[in-house]
């Protein structure tokens, strides 16, 4: 898992694992086009979630 535009991931997850991310308020209220969460699987499939990135939102990778 990483933020779009940031080369370093903030979390590496195993299947069925979870992590928390606490976006800033402006990422929900006034999102920029690049305010997105990116999940890349081992097979290379990429999923992008957002914008916006809002607190309390849940994303299931691959769904």
Protein backbone atom coordinates (compact mmCIF):
# COMPACT_ATOMS: atom_id res chain seq x y z
CA UNK A 1 0.00 0.00 0.00
CA UNK A 2 1.27 3.45 -0.86
CA UNK A 3 0.04 6.92 -1.56
CA UNK A 4 -0.08 7.80 -5.23
CA UNK A 5 3.11 9.59 -6.25
CA UNK A 6 5.14 8.24 -3.31
CA UNK A 7 7.64 5.52 -4.28
CA UNK A 8 7.95 4.02 -0.80
CA UNK A 9 5.05 1.88 0.44
CA UNK A 10 3.75 2.57 3.94
CA UNK A 11 2.52 -1.00 4.45
CA UNK A 12 3.08 -4.45 2.99
CA UNK A 13 0.20 -6.79 3.72
CA UNK A 14 -0.33 -10.52 3.55
CA UNK A 15 -3.67 -11.90 2.29
CA UNK A 16 -6.55 -11.09 4.66
CA UNK A 17 -4.38 -8.67 6.66
CA UNK A 18 -5.42 -5.12 7.48
CA UNK A 19 -3.80 -1.78 8.20
CA UNK A 20 -5.01 1.68 9.18
CA UNK A 21 -4.38 4.96 7.40
CA UNK A 22 -5.46 8.33 8.72
CA UNK A 23 -5.69 10.85 5.89
CA UNK A 24 -5.67 14.57 6.53
CA UNK A 25 -9.04 16.34 6.55
CA UNK A 26 -8.27 18.23 3.34
CA UNK A 27 -7.76 14.93 1.48
CA UNK A 28 -11.48 14.34 2.01
CA UNK A 29 -12.82 17.90 1.92
CA UNK A 30 -10.68 19.31 -0.90
CA UNK A 31 -9.00 16.34 -2.60
CA UNK A 32 -6.29 16.85 -5.18
CA UNK A 33 -6.34 14.57 -8.25
CA UNK A 34 -3.37 12.62 -6.85
CA UNK A 35 -4.92 12.04 -3.39
CA UNK A 36 -5.29 8.30 -3.86
CA UNK A 37 -4.26 5.06 -2.20
CA UNK A 38 -2.53 2.51 -4.43
CA UNK A 39 -2.42 -1.23 -3.73
CA UNK A 40 -0.19 -3.43 -5.86
CA UNK A 41 -0.45 -7.22 -5.64
CA UNK A 42 2.43 -9.68 -5.97
CA UNK A 43 1.18 -10.55 -9.46
CA UNK A 44 1.48 -6.88 -10.47
CA UNK A 45 -2.21 -5.95 -10.51
CA UNK A 46 -2.73 -2.37 -9.32
CA UNK A 47 -5.84 -1.05 -7.57
CA UNK A 48 -6.37 2.65 -6.93
CA UNK A 49 -8.80 4.01 -4.34
CA UNK A 50 -9.85 7.65 -4.13
CA UNK A 51 -9.88 10.50 -4.39
CA UNK A 52 -11.18 11.40 -1.97
CA UNK A 53 -9.46 9.72 0.94
CA UNK A 54 -11.74 10.08 3.94
CA UNK A 55 -11.38 8.86 7.52
CA UNK A 56 -13.56 5.89 8.37
CA UNK A 57 -13.59 4.60 4.77
CA UNK A 58 -12.71 0.93 4.24
CA UNK A 59 -11.16 -0.45 1.05
CA UNK A 60 -10.90 -4.13 0.25
CA UNK A 61 -8.08 -4.69 -2.21
CA UNK A 62 -9.31 -6.42 -5.32
CA UNK A 63 -12.98 -5.67 -4.73
